PDB file of N, CA and C in Angstrom:
ATOM      1  N   MET A   1      42.410  56.301   6.618  1.00  0.00           N
ATOM      2  CA  MET A   1      42.159  57.263   7.688  1.00  0.00           C
ATOM      3  C   MET A   1      43.322  58.258   7.816  1.00  0.00           C
ATOM      4  N   ARG A   2      44.562  57.797   7.625  1.00  0.00           N
ATOM      5  CA  ARG A   2      45.712  58.685   7.775  1.00  0.00           C
ATOM      6  C   ARG A   2      45.725  59.781   6.717  1.00  0.00           C
ATOM      7  N   TYR A   3      45.057  59.532   5.590  1.00  0.00           N
ATOM      8  CA  TYR A   3      44.974  60.550   4.546  1.00  0.00           C
ATOM      9  C   TYR A   3      43.885  61.578   4.842  1.00  0.00           C
ATOM     10  N   ALA A   4      42.982  61.245   5.752  1.00  0.00           N
ATOM     11  CA  ALA A   4      41.847  62.126   6.037  1.00  0.00           C
ATOM     12  C   ALA A   4      42.248  63.375   6.814  1.00  0.00           C
ATOM     13  N   ALA A   5      43.232  63.268   7.702  1.00  0.00           N
ATOM     14  CA  ALA A   5      43.592  64.406   8.561  1.00  0.00           C
ATOM     15  C   ALA A   5      43.940  65.655   7.758  1.00  0.00           C
ATOM     16  N   PRO A   6      44.819  65.569   6.762  1.00  0.00           N
ATOM     17  CA  PRO A   6      45.110  66.802   6.020  1.00  0.00           C
ATOM     18  C   PRO A   6      43.905  67.334   5.253  1.00  0.00           C
ATOM     19  N   ILE A   7      43.059  66.454   4.767  1.00  0.00           N
ATOM     20  CA  ILE A   7      41.867  66.888   4.030  1.00  0.00           C
ATOM     21  C   ILE A   7      40.910  67.629   4.959  1.00  0.00           C
ATOM     22  N   VAL A   8      40.690  67.072   6.136  1.00  0.00           N
ATOM     23  CA  VAL A   8      39.802  67.715   7.119  1.00  0.00           C
ATOM     24  C   VAL A   8      40.385  69.055   7.558  1.00  0.00           C
ATOM     25  N   LEU A   9      41.670  69.073   7.877  1.00  0.00           N
ATOM     26  CA  LEU A   9      42.308  70.325   8.316  1.00  0.00           C
ATOM     27  C   LEU A   9      42.308  71.378   7.214  1.00  0.00           C
ATOM     28  N   LEU A  10      42.574  70.964   5.976  1.00  0.00           N
ATOM     29  CA  LEU A  10      42.534  71.926   4.865  1.00  0.00           C
ATOM     30  C   LEU A  10      41.128  72.461   4.641  1.00  0.00           C
ATOM     31  N   THR A  11      40.131  71.613   4.807  1.00  0.00           N
ATOM     32  CA  THR A  11      38.739  72.065   4.658  1.00  0.00           C
ATOM     33  C   THR A  11      38.398  73.099   5.728  1.00  0.00           C
ATOM     34  N   LEU A  12      38.738  72.801   6.978  1.00  0.00           N
ATOM     35  CA  LEU A  12      38.460  73.752   8.061  1.00  0.00           C
ATOM     36  C   LEU A  12      39.246  75.049   7.861  1.00  0.00           C
ATOM     37  N   SER A  13      40.497  74.934   7.435  1.00  0.00           N
ATOM     38  CA  SER A  13      41.291  76.143   7.215  1.00  0.00           C
ATOM     39  C   SER A  13      40.697  76.991   6.105  1.00  0.00           C
ATOM     40  N   ASN A  14      40.146  76.337   5.086  1.00  0.00           N
ATOM     41  CA  ASN A  14      39.532  77.074   3.980  1.00  0.00           C
ATOM     42  C   ASN A  14      38.271  77.810   4.406  1.00  0.00           C
ATOM     43  N   ILE A  15      37.547  77.259   5.347  1.00  0.00           N
ATOM     44  CA  ILE A  15      36.362  77.957   5.864  1.00  0.00           C
ATOM     45  C   ILE A  15      36.793  79.263   6.532  1.00  0.00           C
ATOM     46  N   PHE A  16      37.820  79.186   7.378  1.00  0.00           N
ATOM     47  CA  PHE A  16      38.351  80.412   7.990  1.00  0.00           C
ATOM     48  C   PHE A  16      38.869  81.368   6.924  1.00  0.00           C
ATOM     49  N   MET A  17      39.564  80.823   5.924  1.00  0.00           N
ATOM     50  CA  MET A  17      40.130  81.656   4.866  1.00  0.00           C
ATOM     51  C   MET A  17      39.040  82.434   4.130  1.00  0.00           C
ATOM     52  N   MET A  18      37.915  81.775   3.846  1.00  0.00           N
ATOM     53  CA  MET A  18      36.835  82.462   3.122  1.00  0.00           C
ATOM     54  C   MET A  18      36.343  83.661   3.916  1.00  0.00           C
ATOM     55  N   PHE A  19      36.202  83.493   5.227  1.00  0.00           N
ATOM     56  CA  PHE A  19      35.750  84.620   6.046  1.00  0.00           C
ATOM     57  C   PHE A  19      36.823  85.706   6.125  1.00  0.00           C
ATOM     58  N   ALA A  20      38.090  85.306   6.191  1.00  0.00           N
ATOM     59  CA  ALA A  20      39.172  86.303   6.242  1.00  0.00           C
ATOM     60  C   ALA A  20      39.265  87.079   4.931  1.00  0.00           C
ATOM     61  N   TRP A  21      39.125  86.394   3.812  1.00  0.00           N
ATOM     62  CA  TRP A  21      39.307  87.038   2.515  1.00  0.00           C
ATOM     63  C   TRP A  21      38.056  87.734   2.001  1.00  0.00           C
ATOM     64  N   TYR A  22      36.872  87.139   2.241  1.00  0.00           N
ATOM     65  CA  TYR A  22      35.651  87.647   1.607  1.00  0.00           C
ATOM     66  C   TYR A  22      34.547  88.040   2.586  1.00  0.00           C
ATOM     67  N   GLY A  23      34.681  87.685   3.845  1.00  0.00           N
ATOM     68  CA  GLY A  23      33.628  87.984   4.822  1.00  0.00           C
ATOM     69  C   GLY A  23      33.353  89.463   4.981  1.00  0.00           C
ATOM     70  N   HIS A  24      34.384  90.275   4.814  1.00  0.00           N
ATOM     71  CA  HIS A  24      34.241  91.724   4.978  1.00  0.00           C
ATOM     72  C   HIS A  24      33.391  92.358   3.883  1.00  0.00           C
ATOM     73  N   LEU A  25      33.124  91.632   2.803  1.00  0.00           N
ATOM     74  CA  LEU A  25      32.327  92.206   1.716  1.00  0.00           C
ATOM     75  C   LEU A  25      30.904  92.556   2.158  1.00  0.00           C
ATOM     76  N   LYS A  26      30.453  91.958   3.256  1.00  0.00           N
ATOM     77  CA  LYS A  26      29.130  92.299   3.794  1.00  0.00           C
ATOM     78  C   LYS A  26      29.195  93.525   4.719  1.00  0.00           C
ATOM     79  N   PHE A  27      30.389  94.042   4.946  1.00  0.00           N
ATOM     80  CA  PHE A  27      30.568  95.165   5.870  1.00  0.00           C
ATOM     81  C   PHE A  27      31.285  96.317   5.164  1.00  0.00           C
ATOM     82  N   LYS A  28      30.732  96.746   4.059  1.00  0.00           N
ATOM     83  CA  LYS A  28      31.389  97.766   3.238  1.00  0.00           C
ATOM     84  C   LYS A  28      31.410  99.143   3.903  1.00  0.00           C
ATOM     85  N   ASN A  29      30.569  99.365   4.904  1.00  0.00           N
ATOM     86  CA  ASN A  29      30.564 100.651   5.606  1.00  0.00           C
ATOM     87  C   ASN A  29      31.504 100.668   6.800  1.00  0.00           C
ATOM     88  N   THR A  30      32.142  99.543   7.088  1.00  0.00           N
ATOM     89  CA  THR A  30      33.102  99.463   8.183  1.00  0.00           C
ATOM     90  C   THR A  30      34.454  99.962   7.685  1.00  0.00           C
ATOM     91  N   ALA A  31      35.168 100.641   8.538  1.00  0.00           N
ATOM     92  CA  ALA A  31      36.478 101.191   8.167  1.00  0.00           C
ATOM     93  C   ALA A  31      37.398 100.080   7.643  1.00  0.00           C
ATOM     94  N   LEU A  32      38.124 100.410   6.594  1.00  0.00           N
ATOM     95  CA  LEU A  32      39.006  99.430   5.964  1.00  0.00           C
ATOM     96  C   LEU A  32      40.048  98.889   6.941  1.00  0.00           C
ATOM     97  N   TRP A  33      40.621  99.743   7.775  1.00  0.00           N
ATOM     98  CA  TRP A  33      41.637  99.295   8.727  1.00  0.00           C
ATOM     99  C   TRP A  33      41.071  98.252   9.681  1.00  0.00           C
ATOM    100  N   LEU A  34      39.777  98.409  10.040  1.00  0.00           N
ATOM    101  CA  LEU A  34      39.155  97.476  10.971  1.00  0.00           C
ATOM    102  C   LEU A  34      38.907  96.118  10.311  1.00  0.00           C
ATOM    103  N   VAL A  35      38.432  96.115   9.059  1.00  0.00           N
ATOM    104  CA  VAL A  35      38.196  94.827   8.401  1.00  0.00           C
ATOM    105  C   VAL A  35      39.524  94.138   8.088  1.00  0.00           C
ATOM    106  N   ILE A  36      40.573  94.912   7.847  1.00  0.00           N
ATOM    107  CA  ILE A  36      41.900  94.299   7.664  1.00  0.00           C
ATOM    108  C   ILE A  36      42.347  93.637   8.964  1.00  0.00           C
ATOM    109  N   LEU A  37      42.183  94.323  10.073  1.00  0.00           N
ATOM    110  CA  LEU A  37      42.572  93.773  11.371  1.00  0.00           C
ATOM    111  C   LEU A  37      41.781  92.499  11.684  1.00  0.00           C
ATOM    112  N   VAL A  38      40.476  92.551  11.498  1.00  0.00           N
ATOM    113  CA  VAL A  38      39.639  91.371  11.763  1.00  0.00           C
ATOM    114  C   VAL A  38      40.017  90.227  10.817  1.00  0.00           C
ATOM    115  N   SER A  39      40.287  90.555   9.563  1.00  0.00           N
ATOM    116  CA  SER A  39      40.694  89.527   8.604  1.00  0.00           C
ATOM    117  C   SER A  39      41.997  88.865   9.035  1.00  0.00           C
ATOM    118  N   TRP A  40      42.937  89.644   9.530  1.00  0.00           N
ATOM    119  CA  TRP A  40      44.203  89.080  10.008  1.00  0.00           C
ATOM    120  C   TRP A  40      43.979  88.182  11.220  1.00  0.00           C
ATOM    121  N   LEU A  41      43.081  88.570  12.091  1.00  0.00           N
ATOM    122  CA  LEU A  41      42.787  87.728  13.259  1.00  0.00           C
ATOM    123  C   LEU A  41      42.166  86.400  12.835  1.00  0.00           C
ATOM    124  N   ILE A  42      41.258  86.452  11.873  1.00  0.00           N
ATOM    125  CA  ILE A  42      40.647  85.225  11.355  1.00  0.00           C
ATOM    126  C   ILE A  42      41.709  84.375  10.646  1.00  0.00           C
ATOM    127  N   ALA A  43      42.575  85.033   9.889  1.00  0.00           N
ATOM    128  CA  ALA A  43      43.624  84.319   9.154  1.00  0.00           C
ATOM    129  C   ALA A  43      44.582  83.592  10.097  1.00  0.00           C
ATOM    130  N   PHE A  44      44.770  84.112  11.305  1.00  0.00           N
ATOM    131  CA  PHE A  44      45.608  83.413  12.278  1.00  0.00           C
ATOM    132  C   PHE A  44      45.087  81.998  12.503  1.00  0.00           C
ATOM    133  N   PHE A  45      43.789  81.864  12.691  1.00  0.00           N
ATOM    134  CA  PHE A  45      43.203  80.544  12.925  1.00  0.00           C
ATOM    135  C   PHE A  45      43.275  79.681  11.664  1.00  0.00           C
ATOM    136  N   GLU A  46      43.161  80.322  10.514  1.00  0.00           N
ATOM    137  CA  GLU A  46      43.311  79.590   9.250  1.00  0.00           C
ATOM    138  C   GLU A  46      44.704  78.977   9.171  1.00  0.00           C
ATOM    139  N   TYR A  47      45.713  79.743   9.514  1.00  0.00           N
ATOM    140  CA  TYR A  47      47.088  79.247   9.482  1.00  0.00           C
ATOM    141  C   TYR A  47      47.319  78.162  10.528  1.00  0.00           C
ATOM    142  N   CYS A  48      46.658  78.280  11.682  1.00  0.00           N
ATOM    143  CA  CYS A  48      46.797  77.260  12.728  1.00  0.00           C
ATOM    144  C   CYS A  48      46.272  75.899  12.255  1.00  0.00           C
ATOM    145  N   LEU A  49      45.435  75.883  11.257  1.00  0.00           N
ATOM    146  CA  LEU A  49      44.934  74.638  10.683  1.00  0.00           C
ATOM    147  C   LEU A  49      45.698  74.252   9.410  1.00  0.00           C
ATOM    148  N   GLN A  50      46.026  75.243   8.609  1.00  0.00           N
ATOM    149  CA  GLN A  50      46.650  74.990   7.313  1.00  0.00           C
ATOM    150  C   GLN A  50      48.082  74.483   7.454  1.00  0.00           C
ATOM    151  N   VAL A  51      48.853  75.063   8.347  1.00  0.00           N
ATOM    152  CA  VAL A  51      50.245  74.649   8.501  1.00  0.00           C
ATOM    153  C   VAL A  51      50.336  73.187   8.959  1.00  0.00           C
ATOM    154  N   PRO A  52      49.603  72.770   9.998  1.00  0.00           N
ATOM    155  CA  PRO A  52      49.654  71.346  10.358  1.00  0.00           C
ATOM    156  C   PRO A  52      49.103  70.433   9.255  1.00  0.00           C
ATOM    157  N   ALA A  53      48.104  70.912   8.520  1.00  0.00           N
ATOM    158  CA  ALA A  53      47.565  70.101   7.419  1.00  0.00           C
ATOM    159  C   ALA A  53      48.651  69.790   6.407  1.00  0.00           C
ATOM    160  N   ASN A  54      49.439  70.791   6.056  1.00  0.00           N
ATOM    161  CA  ASN A  54      50.514  70.571   5.093  1.00  0.00           C
ATOM    162  C   ASN A  54      51.660  69.764   5.699  1.00  0.00           C
ATOM    163  N   ARG A  55      51.959  69.982   6.954  1.00  0.00           N
ATOM    164  CA  ARG A  55      53.035  69.228   7.608  1.00  0.00           C
ATOM    165  C   ARG A  55      52.663  67.748   7.675  1.00  0.00           C
ATOM    166  N   ILE A  56      51.430  67.459   8.116  1.00  0.00           N
ATOM    167  CA  ILE A  56      50.965  66.068   8.196  1.00  0.00           C
ATOM    168  C   ILE A  56      50.792  65.491   6.797  1.00  0.00           C
ATOM    169  N   GLY A  57      50.205  66.269   5.923  1.00  0.00           N
ATOM    170  CA  GLY A  57      49.921  65.801   4.571  1.00  0.00           C
ATOM    171  C   GLY A  57      51.160  65.492   3.760  1.00  0.00           C
ATOM    172  N   HIS A  58      52.257  66.193   4.043  1.00  0.00           N
ATOM    173  CA  HIS A  58      53.484  65.987   3.270  1.00  0.00           C
ATOM    174  C   HIS A  58      54.119  64.627   3.538  1.00  0.00           C
ATOM    175  N   GLU A  59      53.643  63.939   4.570  1.00  0.00           N
ATOM    176  CA  GLU A  59      54.091  62.561   4.821  1.00  0.00           C
ATOM    177  C   GLU A  59      53.524  61.611   3.771  1.00  0.00           C
ATOM    178  N   HIS A  60      52.408  61.978   3.158  1.00  0.00           N
ATOM    179  CA  HIS A  60      51.709  61.094   2.212  1.00  0.00           C
ATOM    180  C   HIS A  60      51.584  61.690   0.812  1.00  0.00           C
ATOM    181  N   PHE A  61      51.655  63.003   0.699  1.00  0.00           N
ATOM    182  CA  PHE A  61      51.431  63.682  -0.573  1.00  0.00           C
ATOM    183  C   PHE A  61      52.624  64.581  -0.896  1.00  0.00           C
ATOM    184  N   SER A  62      52.829  64.834  -2.182  1.00  0.00           N
ATOM    185  CA  SER A  62      53.849  65.810  -2.580  1.00  0.00           C
ATOM    186  C   SER A  62      53.300  67.215  -2.319  1.00  0.00           C
ATOM    187  N   ALA A  63      54.192  68.197  -2.347  1.00  0.00           N
ATOM    188  CA  ALA A  63      53.757  69.586  -2.167  1.00  0.00           C
ATOM    189  C   ALA A  63      52.784  69.994  -3.276  1.00  0.00           C
ATOM    190  N   ALA A  64      53.048  69.556  -4.500  1.00  0.00           N
ATOM    191  CA  ALA A  64      52.144  69.873  -5.617  1.00  0.00           C
ATOM    192  C   ALA A  64      50.770  69.252  -5.406  1.00  0.00           C
ATOM    193  N   GLN A  65      50.739  68.033  -4.890  1.00  0.00           N
ATOM    194  CA  GLN A  65      49.453  67.393  -4.614  1.00  0.00           C
ATOM    195  C   GLN A  65      48.711  68.119  -3.501  1.00  0.00           C
ATOM    196  N   LEU A  66      49.422  68.529  -2.462  1.00  0.00           N
ATOM    197  CA  LEU A  66      48.783  69.271  -1.371  1.00  0.00           C
ATOM    198  C   LEU A  66      48.213  70.592  -1.872  1.00  0.00           C
ATOM    199  N   LYS A  67      48.960  71.296  -2.708  1.00  0.00           N
ATOM    200  CA  LYS A  67      48.479  72.578  -3.234  1.00  0.00           C
ATOM    201  C   LYS A  67      47.261  72.378  -4.115  1.00  0.00           C
ATOM    202  N   THR A  68      47.293  71.356  -4.945  1.00  0.00           N
ATOM    203  CA  THR A  68      46.154  71.066  -5.816  1.00  0.00           C
ATOM    204  C   THR A  68      44.929  70.693  -4.990  1.00  0.00           C
ATOM    205  N   MET A  69      45.139  69.882  -3.962  1.00  0.00           N
ATOM    206  CA  MET A  69      44.052  69.490  -3.066  1.00  0.00           C
ATOM    207  C   MET A  69      43.458  70.727  -2.387  1.00  0.00           C
ATOM    208  N   GLN A  70      44.337  71.616  -1.935  1.00  0.00           N
ATOM    209  CA  GLN A  70      43.875  72.832  -1.266  1.00  0.00           C
ATOM    210  C   GLN A  70      43.049  73.692  -2.207  1.00  0.00           C
ATOM    211  N   GLU A  71      43.469  73.811  -3.446  1.00  0.00           N
ATOM    212  CA  GLU A  71      42.720  74.626  -4.414  1.00  0.00           C
ATOM    213  C   GLU A  71      41.359  74.011  -4.717  1.00  0.00           C
ATOM    214  N   ALA A  72      41.298  72.694  -4.841  1.00  0.00           N
ATOM    215  CA  ALA A  72      40.018  72.019  -5.087  1.00  0.00           C
ATOM    216  C   ALA A  72      39.074  72.213  -3.902  1.00  0.00           C
ATOM    217  N   ILE A  73      39.608  72.076  -2.699  1.00  0.00           N
ATOM    218  CA  ILE A  73      38.794  72.295  -1.490  1.00  0.00           C
ATOM    219  C   ILE A  73      38.327  73.743  -1.442  1.00  0.00           C
ATOM    220  N   THR A  74      39.210  74.666  -1.796  1.00  0.00           N
ATOM    221  CA  THR A  74      38.851  76.092  -1.806  1.00  0.00           C
ATOM    222  C   THR A  74      37.662  76.352  -2.725  1.00  0.00           C
ATOM    223  N   LEU A  75      37.658  75.732  -3.894  1.00  0.00           N
ATOM    224  CA  LEU A  75      36.541  75.934  -4.828  1.00  0.00           C
ATOM    225  C   LEU A  75      35.230  75.446  -4.238  1.00  0.00           C
ATOM    226  N   VAL A  76      35.247  74.276  -3.625  1.00  0.00           N
ATOM    227  CA  VAL A  76      34.023  73.726  -3.033  1.00  0.00           C
ATOM    228  C   VAL A  76      33.538  74.611  -1.893  1.00  0.00           C
ATOM    229  N   VAL A  77      34.462  75.010  -1.015  1.00  0.00           N
ATOM    230  CA  VAL A  77      34.087  75.878   0.106  1.00  0.00           C
ATOM    231  C   VAL A  77      33.600  77.227  -0.413  1.00  0.00           C
ATOM    232  N   PHE A  78      34.266  77.761  -1.439  1.00  0.00           N
ATOM    233  CA  PHE A  78      33.879  79.051  -2.002  1.00  0.00           C
ATOM    234  C   PHE A  78      32.458  79.022  -2.561  1.00  0.00           C
ATOM    235  N   ILE A  79      32.097  77.949  -3.236  1.00  0.00           N
ATOM    236  CA  ILE A  79      30.736  77.856  -3.781  1.00  0.00           C
ATOM    237  C   ILE A  79      29.716  77.941  -2.652  1.00  0.00           C
ATOM    238  N   GLY A  80      29.921  77.157  -1.596  1.00  0.00           N
ATOM    239  CA  GLY A  80      28.998  77.210  -0.452  1.00  0.00           C
ATOM    240  C   GLY A  80      28.987  78.573   0.213  1.00  0.00           C
ATOM    241  N   PHE A  81      30.157  79.161   0.386  1.00  0.00           N
ATOM    242  CA  PHE A  81      30.280  80.482   1.006  1.00  0.00           C
ATOM    243  C   PHE A  81      29.557  81.546   0.184  1.00  0.00           C
ATOM    244  N   SER A  82      29.743  81.495  -1.127  1.00  0.00           N
ATOM    245  CA  SER A  82      29.098  82.473  -2.013  1.00  0.00           C
ATOM    246  C   SER A  82      27.581  82.382  -1.948  1.00  0.00           C
ATOM    247  N   ILE A  83      27.082  81.164  -1.948  1.00  0.00           N
ATOM    248  CA  ILE A  83      25.628  80.967  -1.946  1.00  0.00           C
ATOM    249  C   ILE A  83      25.025  81.302  -0.599  1.00  0.00           C
ATOM    250  N   PHE A  84      25.581  80.749   0.473  1.00  0.00           N
ATOM    251  CA  PHE A  84      24.932  80.845   1.777  1.00  0.00           C
ATOM    252  C   PHE A  84      25.303  82.089   2.578  1.00  0.00           C
ATOM    253  N   TYR A  85      26.517  82.602   2.423  1.00  0.00           N
ATOM    254  CA  TYR A  85      26.913  83.771   3.199  1.00  0.00           C
ATOM    255  C   TYR A  85      26.772  85.062   2.397  1.00  0.00           C
ATOM    256  N   LEU A  86      27.329  85.070   1.200  1.00  0.00           N
ATOM    257  CA  LEU A  86      27.263  86.287   0.385  1.00  0.00           C
ATOM    258  C   LEU A  86      25.956  86.421  -0.378  1.00  0.00           C
ATOM    259  N   LYS A  87      25.177  85.341  -0.443  1.00  0.00           N
ATOM    260  CA  LYS A  87      23.886  85.324  -1.151  1.00  0.00           C
ATOM    261  C   LYS A  87      24.055  85.653  -2.635  1.00  0.00           C
ATOM    262  N   GLU A  88      25.153  85.175  -3.202  1.00  0.00           N
ATOM    263  CA  GLU A  88      25.388  85.354  -4.633  1.00  0.00           C
ATOM    264  C   GLU A  88      25.041  84.064  -5.356  1.00  0.00           C
ATOM    265  N   GLU A  89      24.585  84.206  -6.565  1.00  0.00           N
ATOM    266  CA  GLU A  89      24.279  83.006  -7.334  1.00  0.00           C
ATOM    267  C   GLU A  89      25.533  82.512  -8.040  1.00  0.00           C
ATOM    268  N   ILE A  90      25.579  81.218  -8.215  1.00  0.00           N
ATOM    269  CA  ILE A  90      26.675  80.610  -8.959  1.00  0.00           C
ATOM    270  C   ILE A  90      26.149  80.342 -10.363  1.00  0.00           C
ATOM    271  N   ARG A  91      26.745  80.988 -11.325  1.00  0.00           N
ATOM    272  CA  ARG A  91      26.296  80.870 -12.708  1.00  0.00           C
ATOM    273  C   ARG A  91      26.918  79.647 -13.363  1.00  0.00           C
ATOM    274  N   TRP A  92      26.316  79.225 -14.457  1.00  0.00           N
ATOM    275  CA  TRP A  92      26.782  78.017 -15.139  1.00  0.00           C
ATOM    276  C   TRP A  92      28.223  78.163 -15.612  1.00  0.00           C
ATOM    277  N   ASN A  93      28.602  79.358 -16.074  1.00  0.00           N
ATOM    278  CA  ASN A  93      29.972  79.536 -16.565  1.00  0.00           C
ATOM    279  C   ASN A  93      30.991  79.462 -15.431  1.00  0.00           C
ATOM    280  N   TYR A  94      30.593  79.852 -14.197  1.00  0.00           N
ATOM    281  CA  TYR A  94      31.488  79.688 -13.051  1.00  0.00           C
ATOM    282  C   TYR A  94      31.739  78.204 -12.820  1.00  0.00           C
ATOM    283  N   LEU A  95      30.658  77.429 -12.868  1.00  0.00           N
ATOM    284  CA  LEU A  95      30.778  75.988 -12.635  1.00  0.00           C
ATOM    285  C   LEU A  95      31.638  75.315 -13.699  1.00  0.00           C
ATOM    286  N   VAL A  96      31.499  75.736 -14.944  1.00  0.00           N
ATOM    287  CA  VAL A  96      32.331  75.174 -16.006  1.00  0.00           C
ATOM    288  C   VAL A  96      33.804  75.507 -15.743  1.00  0.00           C
ATOM    289  N   GLY A  97      34.071  76.743 -15.401  1.00  0.00           N
ATOM    290  CA  GLY A  97      35.444  77.143 -15.091  1.00  0.00           C
ATOM    291  C   GLY A  97      36.000  76.373 -13.902  1.00  0.00           C
ATOM    292  N   PHE A  98      35.191  76.219 -12.847  1.00  0.00           N
ATOM    293  CA  PHE A  98      35.619  75.460 -11.678  1.00  0.00           C
ATOM    294  C   PHE A  98      35.868  73.999 -12.049  1.00  0.00           C
ATOM    295  N   ALA A  99      35.032  73.452 -12.919  1.00  0.00           N
ATOM    296  CA  ALA A  99      35.204  72.056 -13.342  1.00  0.00           C
ATOM    297  C   ALA A  99      36.550  71.860 -14.036  1.00  0.00           C
ATOM    298  N   PHE A 100      36.941  72.824 -14.855  1.00  0.00           N
ATOM    299  CA  PHE A 100      38.254  72.727 -15.501  1.00  0.00           C
ATOM    300  C   PHE A 100      39.381  72.762 -14.461  1.00  0.00           C
ATOM    301  N   MET A 101      39.196  73.569 -13.426  1.00  0.00           N
ATOM    302  CA  MET A 101      40.206  73.601 -12.366  1.00  0.00           C
ATOM    303  C   MET A 101      40.254  72.275 -11.607  1.00  0.00           C
ATOM    304  N   ILE A 102      39.093  71.709 -11.371  1.00  0.00           N
ATOM    305  CA  ILE A 102      39.038  70.414 -10.691  1.00  0.00           C
ATOM    306  C   ILE A 102      39.678  69.335 -11.558  1.00  0.00           C
ATOM    307  N   LEU A 103      39.579  69.481 -12.868  1.00  0.00           N
ATOM    308  CA  LEU A 103      40.222  68.539 -13.777  1.00  0.00           C
ATOM    309  C   LEU A 103      41.735  68.498 -13.538  1.00  0.00           C
ATOM    310  N   ALA A 104      42.283  69.593 -13.071  1.00  0.00           N
ATOM    311  CA  ALA A 104      43.707  69.623 -12.737  1.00  0.00           C
ATOM    312  C   ALA A 104      44.035  68.588 -11.663  1.00  0.00           C
ATOM    313  N   VAL A 105      43.104  68.335 -10.756  1.00  0.00           N
ATOM    314  CA  VAL A 105      43.318  67.351  -9.700  1.00  0.00           C
ATOM    315  C   VAL A 105      43.619  65.987 -10.321  1.00  0.00           C
ATOM    316  N   PHE A 106      42.878  65.629 -11.346  1.00  0.00           N
ATOM    317  CA  PHE A 106      43.107  64.354 -12.035  1.00  0.00           C
ATOM    318  C   PHE A 106      44.545  64.269 -12.539  1.00  0.00           C
ATOM    319  N   PHE A 107      45.002  65.305 -13.210  1.00  0.00           N
ATOM    320  CA  PHE A 107      46.333  65.271 -13.794  1.00  0.00           C
ATOM    321  C   PHE A 107      47.446  65.260 -12.743  1.00  0.00           C
ATOM    322  N   VAL A 108      47.230  65.935 -11.639  1.00  0.00           N
ATOM    323  CA  VAL A 108      48.256  65.991 -10.594  1.00  0.00           C
ATOM    324  C   VAL A 108      48.323  64.666  -9.816  1.00  0.00           C
ATOM    325  N   PHE A 109      47.179  64.049  -9.569  1.00  0.00           N
ATOM    326  CA  PHE A 109      47.148  62.838  -8.755  1.00  0.00           C
ATOM    327  C   PHE A 109      47.272  61.542  -9.558  1.00  0.00           C
ATOM    328  N   LYS A 110      47.102  61.609 -10.861  1.00  0.00           N
ATOM    329  CA  LYS A 110      47.202  60.422 -11.710  1.00  0.00           C
ATOM    330  C   LYS A 110      48.628  59.909 -11.728  1.00  0.00           C
ATOM    331  N   LYS A 111      48.790  58.603 -11.533  1.00  0.00           N
ATOM    332  CA  LYS A 111      50.107  57.980 -11.630  1.00  0.00           C
ATOM    333  C   LYS A 111      50.397  57.740 -13.109  1.00  0.00           C
ATOM    334  N   TRP A 112      51.355  58.438 -13.670  1.00  0.00           N
ATOM    335  CA  TRP A 112      51.676  58.318 -15.085  1.00  0.00           C
ATOM    336  C   TRP A 112      52.831  57.368 -15.279  1.00  0.00           C
TER     337      TRP A 112
END
């Protein structure tokens, strides 16, 4: 259970991050300064989750493990975000590329 808190917080922070980084793509007619401002406001909440996730997580994981975990979570959240919010299809080559990135998780977390 103690390992779950950083995973949950990183997942929630990644949801905010997706909207901050890519949510504006649905509002291409909105002024750039406005989408930057809104993105920064959304990113504030992302940081409010991400910073404690790393602080708590560093009690159990190395910084490299936390970063790898965050990237793996980002890929999973990104796939859902792309499909359900941006209405983009995920092609087979994207999945293969993502799978190779997820393979990095094995190498980082494996006790050698």
